[in-house]
C-alpha atoms as a PDB file:
ATOM      1  CA  MET A   1     124.142 127.354  69.085  1.00  0.00           C
ATOM      2  CA  SER A   2     123.132 130.882  68.684  1.00  0.00           C
ATOM      3  CA  SER A   3     124.363 133.494  71.476  1.00  0.00           C
ATOM      4  CA  MET A   4     120.390 133.793  72.247  1.00  0.00           C
ATOM      5  CA  ALA A   5     120.218 130.064  72.860  1.00  0.00           C
ATOM      6  CA  ALA A   6     123.341 129.953  75.139  1.00  0.00           C
ATOM      7  CA  ARG A   7     122.046 132.822  77.149  1.00  0.00           C
ATOM      8  CA  ALA A   8     118.814 130.872  77.462  1.00  0.00           C
ATOM      9  CA  LEU A   9     120.265 127.579  78.558  1.00  0.00           C
ATOM     10  CA  SER A  10     122.529 129.619  81.226  1.00  0.00           C
ATOM     11  CA  ALA A  11     119.339 130.967  82.624  1.00  0.00           C
ATOM     12  CA  THR A  12     117.842 127.816  82.971  1.00  0.00           C
ATOM     13  CA  SER A  13     120.827 126.148  84.740  1.00  0.00           C
ATOM     14  CA  ASP A  14     121.108 128.904  87.020  1.00  0.00           C
ATOM     15  CA  LEU A  15     117.617 128.906  88.483  1.00  0.00           C
ATOM     16  CA  SER A  16     117.587 128.508  92.087  1.00  0.00           C
ATOM     17  CA  LEU A  17     114.964 127.377  94.668  1.00  0.00           C
ATOM     18  CA  PRO A  18     114.514 128.492  98.309  1.00  0.00           C
ATOM     19  CA  VAL A  19     116.431 125.380  99.409  1.00  0.00           C
ATOM     20  CA  GLU A  20     118.602 126.101 102.532  1.00  0.00           C
ATOM     21  CA  THR A  21     122.052 125.020 102.125  1.00  0.00           C
ATOM     22  CA  SER A  22     125.540 124.817 104.600  1.00  0.00           C
ATOM     23  CA  ALA A  23     128.375 126.667 103.649  1.00  0.00           C
ATOM     24  CA  GLU A  24     129.995 123.033 103.037  1.00  0.00           C
ATOM     25  CA  GLU A  25     126.776 122.652 100.390  1.00  0.00           C
ATOM     26  CA  SER A  26     126.742 125.605  98.290  1.00  0.00           C
ATOM     27  CA  PRO A  27     125.234 125.237  94.948  1.00  0.00           C
ATOM     28  CA  ARG A  28     129.163 125.889  93.647  1.00  0.00           C
ATOM     29  CA  SER A  29     130.001 123.389  95.841  1.00  0.00           C
ATOM     30  CA  LEU A  30     127.242 120.698  94.571  1.00  0.00           C
ATOM     31  CA  GLY A  31     128.193 121.864  90.965  1.00  0.00           C
ATOM     32  CA  SER A  32     131.834 120.712  91.391  1.00  0.00           C
ATOM     33  CA  ALA A  33     131.016 117.390  93.263  1.00  0.00           C
ATOM     34  CA  ARG A  34     128.645 116.745  90.173  1.00  0.00           C
ATOM     35  CA  LEU A  35     131.462 117.510  87.533  1.00  0.00           C
ATOM     36  CA  ALA A  36     134.005 115.460  89.510  1.00  0.00           C
ATOM     37  CA  ALA A  37     131.505 112.319  89.221  1.00  0.00           C
ATOM     38  CA  GLY A  38     131.383 112.744  85.651  1.00  0.00           C
ATOM     39  CA  GLY A  39     127.960 114.416  85.415  1.00  0.00           C
ATOM     40  CA  ASN A  40     126.817 116.843  82.888  1.00  0.00           C
ATOM     41  CA  PRO A  41     126.214 120.220  84.554  1.00  0.00           C
ATOM     42  CA  GLY A  42     122.453 120.581  82.907  1.00  0.00           C
ATOM     43  CA  GLN A  43     119.028 120.982  83.971  1.00  0.00           C
ATOM     44  CA  GLY A  44     118.567 117.297  84.666  1.00  0.00           C
ATOM     45  CA  ASP A  45     121.552 117.014  86.686  1.00  0.00           C
ATOM     46  CA  ALA A  46     120.645 120.245  88.815  1.00  0.00           C
ATOM     47  CA  LEU A  47     116.769 118.779  89.345  1.00  0.00           C
ATOM     48  CA  SER A  48     118.108 115.539  90.503  1.00  0.00           C
ATOM     49  CA  VAL A  49     120.228 117.173  93.141  1.00  0.00           C
ATOM     50  CA  LEU A  50     117.224 119.350  94.180  1.00  0.00           C
ATOM     51  CA  ARG A  51     115.065 116.164  94.425  1.00  0.00           C
ATOM     52  CA  GLN A  52     117.575 114.626  96.730  1.00  0.00           C
ATOM     53  CA  LYS A  53     117.852 117.433  98.815  1.00  0.00           C
ATOM     54  CA  LEU A  54     114.094 118.399  99.256  1.00  0.00           C
ATOM     55  CA  SER A  55     113.691 114.273 100.377  1.00  0.00           C
ATOM     56  CA  ALA A  56     116.449 114.420 102.719  1.00  0.00           C
ATOM     57  CA  GLN A  57     114.442 117.623 104.212  1.00  0.00           C
ATOM     58  CA  ALA A  58     111.091 116.288 104.133  1.00  0.00           C
ATOM     59  CA  PRO A  59     109.842 114.961 107.591  1.00  0.00           C
ATOM     60  CA  ALA A  60     109.736 111.270 107.924  1.00  0.00           C
ATOM     61  CA  ARG A  61     106.187 109.615 107.280  1.00  0.00           C
ATOM     62  CA  HIS A  62     105.343 107.255 110.376  1.00  0.00           C
ATOM     63  CA  ALA A  63     103.037 104.422 109.757  1.00  0.00           C
ATOM     64  CA  PRO A  64      99.763 104.527 111.744  1.00  0.00           C
ATOM     65  CA  ALA A  65      99.839 102.068 114.873  1.00  0.00           C
ATOM     66  CA  PRO A  66      98.140  98.550 114.064  1.00  0.00           C
ATOM     67  CA  LEU A  67      95.099  97.989 115.791  1.00  0.00           C
ATOM     68  CA  SER A  68      95.668  95.720 118.537  1.00  0.00           C
ATOM     69  CA  THR A  69      93.584  92.251 118.698  1.00  0.00           C
ATOM     70  CA  THR A  70      93.877  92.155 122.805  1.00  0.00           C
ATOM     71  CA  LEU A  71      95.667  88.825 122.283  1.00  0.00           C
ATOM     72  CA  GLU A  72      99.306  89.349 123.272  1.00  0.00           C
ATOM     73  CA  PRO A  73     101.147  86.534 121.335  1.00  0.00           C
ATOM     74  CA  LEU A  74      98.950  87.347 118.619  1.00  0.00           C
ATOM     75  CA  ASP A  75      99.855  90.822 118.258  1.00  0.00           C
ATOM     76  CA  ALA A  76     103.164  90.117 118.539  1.00  0.00           C
ATOM     77  CA  ALA A  77     103.327  87.774 115.739  1.00  0.00           C
ATOM     78  CA  LEU A  78     101.659  90.413 113.690  1.00  0.00           C
ATOM     79  CA  ARG A  79     104.027  92.901 114.882  1.00  0.00           C
ATOM     80  CA  GLY A  80     101.713  95.143 116.743  1.00  0.00           C
ATOM     81  CA  GLY A  81      98.210  93.770 115.677  1.00  0.00           C
ATOM     82  CA  LEU A  82      95.602  94.196 112.448  1.00  0.00           C
ATOM     83  CA  PRO A  83      97.804  96.261 110.074  1.00  0.00           C
ATOM     84  CA  ARG A  84      96.256  99.264 108.689  1.00  0.00           C
ATOM     85  CA  GLY A  85      96.352  99.190 104.818  1.00  0.00           C
ATOM     86  CA  LYS A  86      96.807  95.632 105.009  1.00  0.00           C
ATOM     87  CA  LEU A  87      94.838  92.262 104.464  1.00  0.00           C
ATOM     88  CA  VAL A  88      94.659  89.302 107.343  1.00  0.00           C
ATOM     89  CA  GLU A  89      92.954  86.266 106.594  1.00  0.00           C
ATOM     90  CA  ILE A  90      91.596  84.055 108.985  1.00  0.00           C
ATOM     91  CA  ALA A  91      90.403  80.529 107.999  1.00  0.00           C
ATOM     92  CA  GLY A  92      89.237  77.019 109.371  1.00  0.00           C
ATOM     93  CA  GLY A  93      87.003  75.728 112.106  1.00  0.00           C
ATOM     94  CA  ALA A  94      85.270  77.151 115.382  1.00  0.00           C
ATOM     95  CA  GLY A  95      86.730  80.480 116.768  1.00  0.00           C
ATOM     96  CA  LYS A  96      87.019  82.394 113.731  1.00  0.00           C
ATOM     97  CA  LEU A  97      83.973  84.433 114.612  1.00  0.00           C
ATOM     98  CA  ALA A  98      84.747  84.682 118.133  1.00  0.00           C
ATOM     99  CA  PHE A  99      88.142  85.960 117.374  1.00  0.00           C
ATOM    100  CA  THR A 100      86.649  88.544 114.791  1.00  0.00           C
ATOM    101  CA  LEU A 101      84.277  89.587 117.440  1.00  0.00           C
ATOM    102  CA  LEU A 102      87.197  90.287 120.011  1.00  0.00           C
ATOM    103  CA  ALA A 103      88.742  92.462 117.490  1.00  0.00           C
ATOM    104  CA  LEU A 104      85.787  94.669 116.889  1.00  0.00           C
ATOM    105  CA  ALA A 105      85.420  94.548 120.605  1.00  0.00           C
ATOM    106  CA  ALA A 106      88.867  95.985 120.760  1.00  0.00           C
ATOM    107  CA  ALA A 107      88.616  98.549 117.990  1.00  0.00           C
ATOM    108  CA  THR A 108      85.328  99.911 118.668  1.00  0.00           C
ATOM    109  CA  GLN A 109      86.192 100.644 122.364  1.00  0.00           C
ATOM    110  CA  ARG A 110      89.074 102.705 121.303  1.00  0.00           C
ATOM    111  CA  GLY A 111      86.600 104.724 119.165  1.00  0.00           C
ATOM    112  CA  GLU A 112      87.146 103.432 115.469  1.00  0.00           C
ATOM    113  CA  LEU A 113      84.780 103.197 113.346  1.00  0.00           C
ATOM    114  CA  CYS A 114      84.297  99.558 112.248  1.00  0.00           C
ATOM    115  CA  ALA A 115      82.048  97.770 109.627  1.00  0.00           C
ATOM    116  CA  PHE A 116      80.863  94.014 109.430  1.00  0.00           C
ATOM    117  CA  ILE A 117      80.155  92.775 105.915  1.00  0.00           C
ATOM    118  CA  ASP A 118      77.893  89.588 106.810  1.00  0.00           C
ATOM    119  CA  VAL A 119      77.916  87.582 103.464  1.00  0.00           C
ATOM    120  CA  GLU A 120      76.656  84.646 105.625  1.00  0.00           C
ATOM    121  CA  ASP A 121      74.247  86.200 108.082  1.00  0.00           C
ATOM    122  CA  ALA A 122      76.433  85.037 111.083  1.00  0.00           C
ATOM    123  CA  LEU A 123      76.410  88.018 113.182  1.00  0.00           C
ATOM    124  CA  ASP A 124      74.455  87.936 116.643  1.00  0.00           C
ATOM    125  CA  VAL A 125      74.015  91.164 117.886  1.00  0.00           C
ATOM    126  CA  GLN A 126      73.260  90.089 121.519  1.00  0.00           C
ATOM    127  CA  THR A 127      76.710  88.233 121.263  1.00  0.00           C
ATOM    128  CA  ALA A 128      78.658  91.025 119.729  1.00  0.00           C
ATOM    129  CA  GLU A 129      77.205  93.340 122.612  1.00  0.00           C
ATOM    130  CA  ARG A 130      78.151  90.586 125.487  1.00  0.00           C
ATOM    131  CA  VAL A 131      81.767  90.431 124.325  1.00  0.00           C
ATOM    132  CA  GLY A 132      82.065  94.338 124.030  1.00  0.00           C
ATOM    133  CA  VAL A 133      81.597  95.355 120.610  1.00  0.00           C
ATOM    134  CA  ASP A 134      80.166  99.013 120.654  1.00  0.00           C
ATOM    135  CA  LEU A 135      77.262  98.780 118.669  1.00  0.00           C
ATOM    136  CA  HIS A 136      77.256 102.482 118.163  1.00  0.00           C
ATOM    137  CA  GLN A 137      80.535 102.408 116.343  1.00  0.00           C
ATOM    138  CA  LEU A 138      79.630  99.405 114.209  1.00  0.00           C
ATOM    139  CA  LEU A 139      78.263  99.281 110.943  1.00  0.00           C
ATOM    140  CA  TRP A 140      76.504  96.217 109.669  1.00  0.00           C
ATOM    141  CA  VAL A 141      76.221  95.184 106.069  1.00  0.00           C
ATOM    142  CA  ARG A 142      73.993  92.222 104.843  1.00  0.00           C
ATOM    143  CA  PRO A 143      74.464  91.748 101.227  1.00  0.00           C
ATOM    144  CA  ARG A 144      71.534  89.873 100.233  1.00  0.00           C
ATOM    145  CA  THR A 145      71.410  87.463 102.832  1.00  0.00           C
ATOM    146  CA  GLY A 146      67.632  86.809 102.207  1.00  0.00           C
ATOM    147  CA  ASP A 147      66.473  90.130 101.239  1.00  0.00           C
ATOM    148  CA  ARG A 148      64.849  88.682  98.146  1.00  0.00           C
ATOM    149  CA  GLU A 149      62.657  86.144 100.067  1.00  0.00           C
ATOM    150  CA  SER A 150      59.163  87.153 100.312  1.00  0.00           C
ATOM    151  CA  SER A 151      57.176  87.451 103.741  1.00  0.00           C
ATOM    152  CA  GLU A 152      54.683  84.427 104.478  1.00  0.00           C
ATOM    153  CA  THR A 153      51.894  87.265 103.884  1.00  0.00           C
ATOM    154  CA  ASP A 154      53.192  88.112 100.603  1.00  0.00           C
ATOM    155  CA  ARG A 155      53.775  84.252  99.129  1.00  0.00           C
ATOM    156  CA  ALA A 156      50.022  83.735 100.454  1.00  0.00           C
ATOM    157  CA  ALA A 157      48.917  86.900  98.504  1.00  0.00           C
ATOM    158  CA  VAL A 158      50.748  85.994  95.296  1.00  0.00           C
ATOM    159  CA  GLY A 159      50.366  82.098  95.798  1.00  0.00           C
ATOM    160  CA  LYS A 160      53.976  81.552  95.417  1.00  0.00           C
ATOM    161  CA  SER A 161      55.070  77.613  95.921  1.00  0.00           C
ATOM    162  CA  ALA A 162      57.789  77.103  98.546  1.00  0.00           C
ATOM    163  CA  ALA A 163      59.895  75.839  95.806  1.00  0.00           C
ATOM    164  CA  ALA A 164      59.524  78.957  93.564  1.00  0.00           C
ATOM    165  CA  ASN A 165      60.457  81.026  96.732  1.00  0.00           C
ATOM    166  CA  GLU A 166      63.383  78.931  96.872  1.00  0.00           C
ATOM    167  CA  ALA A 167      64.686  80.129  93.477  1.00  0.00           C
ATOM    168  CA  THR A 168      64.573  84.006  94.245  1.00  0.00           C
ATOM    169  CA  THR A 169      67.197  83.443  97.365  1.00  0.00           C
ATOM    170  CA  ALA A 170      70.633  84.968  96.389  1.00  0.00           C
ATOM    171  CA  SER A 171      72.887  82.755  95.384  1.00  0.00           C
ATOM    172  CA  PRO A 172      76.480  81.898  96.795  1.00  0.00           C
ATOM    173  CA  GLU A 173      78.503  83.972  93.977  1.00  0.00           C
ATOM    174  CA  ASP A 174      75.821  87.045  94.227  1.00  0.00           C
ATOM    175  CA  ARG A 175      76.274  87.423  97.868  1.00  0.00           C
ATOM    176  CA  VAL A 176      79.956  87.019  97.454  1.00  0.00           C
ATOM    177  CA  SER A 177      80.053  89.556  94.521  1.00  0.00           C
ATOM    178  CA  ASP A 178      77.828  91.793  96.437  1.00  0.00           C
ATOM    179  CA  GLY A 179      80.183  91.626  99.362  1.00  0.00           C
ATOM    180  CA  LEU A 180      83.515  92.493  97.574  1.00  0.00           C
ATOM    181  CA  LYS A 181      81.554  95.550  96.010  1.00  0.00           C
ATOM    182  CA  ALA A 182      80.438  96.544  99.493  1.00  0.00           C
ATOM    183  CA  LEU A 183      84.065  96.189 100.486  1.00  0.00           C
ATOM    184  CA  ASP A 184      85.189  98.406  97.791  1.00  0.00           C
ATOM    185  CA  LEU A 185      82.510 101.091  98.492  1.00  0.00           C
ATOM    186  CA  LEU A 186      83.195 101.122 102.272  1.00  0.00           C
ATOM    187  CA  LEU A 187      86.697 101.939 101.241  1.00  0.00           C
ATOM    188  CA  SER A 188      86.069 104.467  98.580  1.00  0.00           C
ATOM    189  CA  ALA A 189      84.207 106.437 101.593  1.00  0.00           C
ATOM    190  CA  GLY A 190      86.832 106.009 103.964  1.00  0.00           C
ATOM    191  CA  GLY A 191      86.606 106.821 108.034  1.00  0.00           C
ATOM    192  CA  PHE A 192      86.700 103.340 108.662  1.00  0.00           C
ATOM    193  CA  GLY A 193      89.702 101.675 111.110  1.00  0.00           C
ATOM    194  CA  LEU A 194      88.696  98.175 110.481  1.00  0.00           C
ATOM    195  CA  VAL A 195      86.672  96.804 107.983  1.00  0.00           C
ATOM    196  CA  VAL A 196      85.670  92.609 108.242  1.00  0.00           C
ATOM    197  CA  LEU A 197      84.429  90.398 105.268  1.00  0.00           C
ATOM    198  CA  TYR A 198      83.189  87.633 106.642  1.00  0.00           C
ATOM    199  CA  LEU A 199      82.238  84.849 103.784  1.00  0.00           C
ATOM    200  CA  GLY A 200      82.129  81.784 106.077  1.00  0.00           C
ATOM    201  CA  GLY A 201      81.639  78.837 103.872  1.00  0.00           C
ATOM    202  CA  ALA A 202      79.890  80.990 100.877  1.00  0.00           C
ATOM    203  CA  ALA A 203      83.432  81.701  99.064  1.00  0.00           C
ATOM    204  CA  THR A 204      84.038  77.923  98.513  1.00  0.00           C
ATOM    205  CA  ARG A 205      80.548  76.571  98.144  1.00  0.00           C
ATOM    206  CA  ASN A 206      80.579  76.788  94.196  1.00  0.00           C
ATOM    207  CA  LYS A 207      82.834  77.539  91.555  1.00  0.00           C
ATOM    208  CA  GLN A 208      81.557  80.657  90.531  1.00  0.00           C
ATOM    209  CA  ALA A 209      81.874  82.441  94.140  1.00  0.00           C
ATOM    210  CA  ALA A 210      85.640  80.668  94.453  1.00  0.00           C
ATOM    211  CA  ARG A 211      86.058  82.623  91.190  1.00  0.00           C
ATOM    212  CA  ALA A 212      85.035  85.751  92.514  1.00  0.00           C
ATOM    213  CA  CYS A 213      87.182  85.439  95.397  1.00  0.00           C
ATOM    214  CA  ALA A 214      90.087  84.639  93.255  1.00  0.00           C
ATOM    215  CA  SER A 215      89.949  87.735  91.141  1.00  0.00           C
ATOM    216  CA  SER A 216      93.383  89.570  91.397  1.00  0.00           C
ATOM    217  CA  ALA A 217      92.110  92.858  89.731  1.00  0.00           C
ATOM    218  CA  ALA A 218      89.345  93.014  92.861  1.00  0.00           C
ATOM    219  CA  TRP A 219      92.197  92.408  95.572  1.00  0.00           C
ATOM    220  CA  SER A 220      94.373  94.848  93.967  1.00  0.00           C
ATOM    221  CA  ARG A 221      91.671  97.848  93.883  1.00  0.00           C
ATOM    222  CA  VAL A 222      90.701  97.054  97.369  1.00  0.00           C
ATOM    223  CA  LEU A 223      94.216  96.798  98.558  1.00  0.00           C
ATOM    224  CA  GLY A 224      94.933 100.094  97.127  1.00  0.00           C
ATOM    225  CA  ARG A 225      91.797 101.587  98.833  1.00  0.00           C
ATOM    226  CA  ALA A 226      92.489 100.213 102.331  1.00  0.00           C
ATOM    227  CA  GLU A 227      96.362 101.447 102.091  1.00  0.00           C
ATOM    228  CA  LYS A 228      94.795 104.956 101.148  1.00  0.00           C
ATOM    229  CA  ALA A 229      92.194 105.170 103.794  1.00  0.00           C
ATOM    230  CA  ASN A 230      94.581 103.225 106.623  1.00  0.00           C
ATOM    231  CA  THR A 231      91.730 100.756 107.205  1.00  0.00           C
ATOM    232  CA  ALA A 232      92.959  97.269 108.296  1.00  0.00           C
ATOM    233  CA  LEU A 233      90.812  94.319 106.752  1.00  0.00           C
ATOM    234  CA  LEU A 234      90.181  91.191 108.048  1.00  0.00           C
ATOM    235  CA  LEU A 235      88.878  88.438 105.838  1.00  0.00           C
ATOM    236  CA  VAL A 236      86.858  85.506 107.619  1.00  0.00           C
ATOM    237  CA  SER A 237      86.407  82.079 105.427  1.00  0.00           C
ATOM    238  CA  ASP A 238      86.246  78.428 106.064  1.00  0.00           C
ATOM    239  CA  GLU A 239      88.962  78.194 103.359  1.00  0.00           C
ATOM    240  CA  ALA A 240      91.993  80.451 102.731  1.00  0.00           C
ATOM    241  CA  VAL A 241      91.077  82.532  99.296  1.00  0.00           C
ATOM    242  CA  SER A 242      93.119  85.356  99.174  1.00  0.00           C
ATOM    243  CA  GLY A 243      96.357  83.678  98.505  1.00  0.00           C
ATOM    244  CA  SER A 244      99.254  86.180  98.582  1.00  0.00           C
ATOM    245  CA  PHE A 245      97.199  89.429  98.703  1.00  0.00           C
ATOM    246  CA  ALA A 246      97.155  88.973 102.565  1.00  0.00           C
ATOM    247  CA  VAL A 247     100.173  90.033 104.476  1.00  0.00           C
ATOM    248  CA  ALA A 248      99.165  87.016 107.336  1.00  0.00           C
ATOM    249  CA  THR A 249      97.011  84.296 107.002  1.00  0.00           C
ATOM    250  CA  LEU A 250      95.652  82.408 110.286  1.00  0.00           C
ATOM    251  CA  ARG A 251      94.129  79.170 110.795  1.00  0.00           C
ATOM    252  CA  CYS A 252      91.583  78.184 113.448  1.00  0.00           C
ATOM    253  CA  ALA A 253      91.976  74.652 114.774  1.00  0.00           C
ATOM    254  CA  SER A 254      89.141  73.147 117.214  1.00  0.00           C
ATOM    255  CA  GLY A 255      90.366  71.858 120.047  1.00  0.00           C
ATOM    256  CA  GLU A 256      88.436  70.277 123.358  1.00  0.00           C
ATOM    257  CA  ALA A 257      85.100  70.832 124.189  1.00  0.00           C
ATOM    258  CA  ILE A 258      84.429  72.005 127.849  1.00  0.00           C
ATOM    259  CA  TRP A 259      80.945  71.014 129.404  1.00  0.00           C
ATOM    260  CA  GLN A 260      79.323  71.939 132.234  1.00  0.00           C
ATOM    261  CA  ARG A 261      76.814  70.222 134.582  1.00  0.00           C
ATOM    262  CA  VAL A 262      73.338  72.142 134.995  1.00  0.00           C
ATOM    263  CA  PRO A 263      70.302  71.398 136.984  1.00  0.00           C
ATOM    264  CA  GLY A 264      68.546  68.359 136.032  1.00  0.00           C
ATOM    265  CA  GLY A 265      71.179  65.882 135.164  1.00  0.00           C
ATOM    266  CA  ARG A 266      72.073  67.467 132.004  1.00  0.00           C
ATOM    267  CA  TRP A 267      75.443  68.819 130.402  1.00  0.00           C
ATOM    268  CA  LEU A 268      75.826  72.340 128.376  1.00  0.00           C
ATOM    269  CA  LEU A 269      78.623  73.105 126.301  1.00  0.00           C
ATOM    270  CA  HIS A 270      80.213  75.869 128.256  1.00  0.00           C
ATOM    271  CA  SER A 271      82.952  76.845 126.055  1.00  0.00           C
ATOM    272  CA  GLN A 272      85.857  75.193 123.350  1.00  0.00           C
ATOM    273  CA  ARG A 273      89.294  75.327 123.073  1.00  0.00           C
ATOM    274  CA  THR A 274      90.819  76.981 120.070  1.00  0.00           C
ATOM    275  CA  ALA A 275      94.508  77.425 118.543  1.00  0.00           C
ATOM    276  CA  ILE A 276      95.164  79.891 116.430  1.00  0.00           C
ATOM    277  CA  GLU A 277      97.966  79.446 114.294  1.00  0.00           C
ATOM    278  CA  VAL A 278     100.209  81.864 111.977  1.00  0.00           C
ATOM    279  CA  THR A 279     100.577  79.696 108.801  1.00  0.00           C
ATOM    280  CA  ARG A 280     101.484  82.530 106.552  1.00  0.00           C
ATOM    281  CA  SER A 281     103.059  85.807 107.100  1.00  0.00           C
ATOM    282  CA  ARG A 282     105.176  88.570 105.484  1.00  0.00           C
ATOM    283  CA  LEU A 283     105.235  90.470 108.745  1.00  0.00           C
ATOM    284  CA  SER A 284     107.041  87.930 110.944  1.00  0.00           C
ATOM    285  CA  ALA A 285     108.259  84.263 110.527  1.00  0.00           C
ATOM    286  CA  PRO A 286     105.463  81.924 110.463  1.00  0.00           C
ATOM    287  CA  GLY A 287     104.625  79.047 112.728  1.00  0.00           C
ATOM    288  CA  ASP A 288     103.127  81.018 115.951  1.00  0.00           C
ATOM    289  CA  SER A 289     100.272  79.162 117.639  1.00  0.00           C
ATOM    290  CA  ILE A 290      97.844  80.894 120.116  1.00  0.00           C
ATOM    291  CA  ALA A 291      95.619  78.776 122.606  1.00  0.00           C
ATOM    292  CA  LEU A 292      92.503  80.408 123.371  1.00  0.00           C
ATOM    293  CA  ARG A 293      88.995  79.353 125.039  1.00  0.00           C
ATOM    294  CA  MET A 294      86.174  80.609 123.374  1.00  0.00           C
ATOM    295  CA  LEU A 295      82.973  80.831 125.196  1.00  0.00           C
ATOM    296  CA  ARG A 296      79.456  79.199 123.893  1.00  0.00           C
END
């Protein structure tokens, strides 16, 4: 090696960055320790030591607090609530929508901006408001849940038959696909604390819809954006469809119906007991069960 190249290498190895070091961790002592460990006193080794120093001095990153569901046993099972940047799926029978509205009410009342992607057109605004959802903090997305249908006037004007109009209704796979696209767009926009994708039975109604829900590429992209946006995701369906992409899977099981006598000798369905069980979880041990009473 020429003397000029040797001087250039020496200058590169002696470069210093403004990193605070104590008397015990001076550059000389770090170099001695590196040589004692058998390392080469070259540029790569020096950068490795500096990276370790900078990592140790960097402030710790704290994950944002989960979103409480207000159901203390369930929050405990989920380590504080719905985790931000992660997906939780709830499946099963009666109680899914009631639980979803409770979670939305808790989030919107804390000032979180939320979104409800309604693939099955299941949301009743009056019920949501009665439960406590702040509608000013909620974006309701309805992807092709009947917008292709013509009005009665339009049908009369063009002379369409009922069968022809039926054919223009969006198929389950179209609605599921649009729901996933809407989810992708909302997470890309950012700013949401909680986003709900309500699939209901659309995800399992035919093979094409099920295939769209099983796309690993779609879920990987969605979860990457959710983590970047610190958004909690709640997927609601009749059957679990997200597999291992969800950090926790909950299942609703319908229980006893509670009837109330009304004037005239009739009986009115007042409420229904529902049990929510954690069937699969990477947050804690599965098997926790929470008994709820859902008003009708």
